[in-house]
Amino acid sequence: MEKLILRAAELIAQARKVVAFTGAGVSTESGIPDFRSPGGIWEKYEHVFYQEFLSSAEARKKYWLRSRATYPVIREARPNPTHLVLVELEKWVSWTA
C-alpha cells in the first residue's frame, strides 16, 4: 500500500492540474444528507434544472423553497476529515506547482 501511496504522490506532484472526484456521500459525515437516498431532498422537492430556473418564476420559487429547507442543515455542517484532507492536498499541490 505504501508504494501505491508514494506513486500517487509522484503523479500528483508531476501533474499540471489535479481534480478530486467525490460523490454526495462525502458530505454526509458532516450531517448533510445526500439528495438521492430514500427520504432525500429529491423525494420531497421537485428537481429544478438550470434552464428552468432561468426561464420560469415558478421554477425559481420551487428552488428557493428547497433551499430554505436545506440551508439550516448546510449552515450547521462542519468540515469532516475528507474535506480537511482535500484542503491539505490542494495546499500541497499549490506548493509543488
Protein backbone atom coordinates (compact mmCIF):
# COMPACT_ATOMS: atom_id res chain seq x y z
CA MET A 1 0.00 0.00 0.00
CA GLU A 2 2.82 2.39 0.84
CA LYS A 3 4.26 2.03 -2.68
CA LEU A 4 0.89 2.92 -4.16
CA ILE A 5 0.62 6.00 -1.96
CA LEU A 6 4.12 7.13 -2.93
CA ARG A 7 3.33 6.57 -6.62
CA ALA A 8 0.10 8.57 -6.30
CA ALA A 9 2.07 11.38 -4.64
CA GLU A 10 4.58 11.35 -7.51
CA LEU A 11 1.81 11.52 -10.10
CA ILE A 12 0.11 14.38 -8.29
CA ALA A 13 3.41 16.26 -7.96
CA GLN A 14 4.03 15.89 -11.70
CA ALA A 15 0.53 16.89 -12.77
CA ARG A 16 -0.30 20.37 -14.00
CA LYS A 17 -3.81 20.11 -12.57
CA VAL A 18 -5.44 17.74 -10.10
CA VAL A 19 -9.15 17.07 -9.67
CA ALA A 20 -10.74 15.14 -6.82
CA PHE A 21 -13.98 13.48 -7.84
CA THR A 22 -16.23 12.72 -4.90
CA GLY A 23 -19.80 11.67 -4.51
CA ALA A 24 -22.64 13.13 -2.49
CA GLY A 25 -21.67 10.85 0.37
CA VAL A 26 -18.50 12.84 1.07
CA SER A 27 -20.60 15.38 3.00
CA THR A 28 -22.96 13.00 4.78
CA GLU A 29 -20.39 12.59 7.56
CA SER A 30 -20.81 16.33 8.14
CA GLY A 31 -24.56 15.88 8.53
CA ILE A 32 -25.57 16.94 5.02
CA PRO A 33 -27.89 14.25 3.64
CA ASP A 34 -27.42 13.24 0.03
CA PHE A 35 -30.26 14.12 -2.30
CA ARG A 36 -30.82 10.73 -3.92
CA SER A 37 -31.22 8.35 -0.97
CA PRO A 38 -34.66 7.22 0.15
CA GLY A 39 -36.23 10.09 2.03
CA GLY A 40 -33.74 12.50 0.45
CA ILE A 41 -34.41 16.01 -0.78
CA TRP A 42 -35.30 14.87 -4.30
CA GLU A 43 -38.19 12.80 -2.94
CA LYS A 44 -39.55 15.83 -1.10
CA TYR A 45 -38.86 18.56 -3.67
CA GLU A 46 -39.10 18.60 -7.44
CA HIS A 47 -35.87 18.94 -9.43
CA VAL A 48 -35.18 22.40 -10.79
CA PHE A 49 -32.85 22.43 -13.76
CA TYR A 50 -30.73 25.43 -14.67
CA GLN A 51 -32.65 26.44 -17.80
CA GLU A 52 -35.94 26.15 -15.90
CA PHE A 53 -34.54 28.31 -13.12
CA LEU A 54 -33.58 30.99 -15.66
CA SER A 55 -36.81 30.94 -17.60
CA SER A 56 -39.53 30.32 -15.02
CA ALA A 57 -40.54 32.29 -11.95
CA GLU A 58 -42.37 29.17 -10.71
CA ALA A 59 -39.19 27.07 -11.02
CA ARG A 60 -37.24 29.69 -9.08
CA LYS A 61 -39.89 29.61 -6.37
CA LYS A 62 -39.55 25.79 -6.11
CA TYR A 63 -35.77 26.11 -5.97
CA TRP A 64 -35.86 28.69 -3.17
CA LEU A 65 -38.39 26.61 -1.19
CA ARG A 66 -35.99 23.67 -1.32
CA SER A 67 -33.07 25.92 -0.42
CA ARG A 68 -34.96 27.29 2.56
CA ALA A 69 -35.40 23.73 3.83
CA THR A 70 -31.78 22.69 3.26
CA TYR A 71 -29.97 25.87 4.32
CA PRO A 72 -30.14 25.30 8.12
CA VAL A 73 -28.54 21.87 7.76
CA ILE A 74 -25.79 23.18 5.49
CA ARG A 75 -25.21 26.22 7.71
CA GLU A 76 -24.59 23.99 10.75
CA ALA A 77 -22.36 21.49 8.94
CA ARG A 78 -18.64 21.45 9.64
CA PRO A 79 -15.84 20.01 7.50
CA ASN A 80 -15.16 16.33 8.05
CA PRO A 81 -11.81 14.50 7.64
CA THR A 82 -12.32 14.05 3.89
CA HIS A 83 -12.85 17.78 3.40
CA LEU A 84 -9.78 18.55 5.50
CA VAL A 85 -7.62 16.11 3.53
CA LEU A 86 -8.76 17.70 0.27
CA VAL A 87 -7.76 21.12 1.63
CA GLU A 88 -4.33 19.78 2.56
CA LEU A 89 -3.98 18.18 -0.88
CA GLU A 90 -4.85 21.48 -2.52
CA LYS A 91 -2.22 23.27 -0.42
CA TRP A 92 0.36 20.61 -1.26
CA VAL A 93 -0.39 20.73 -5.00
CA SER A 94 -0.18 24.55 -4.96
CA TRP A 95 3.12 24.38 -3.10
CA THR A 96 4.66 21.89 -5.53
CA ALA A 97 3.48 23.75 -8.65
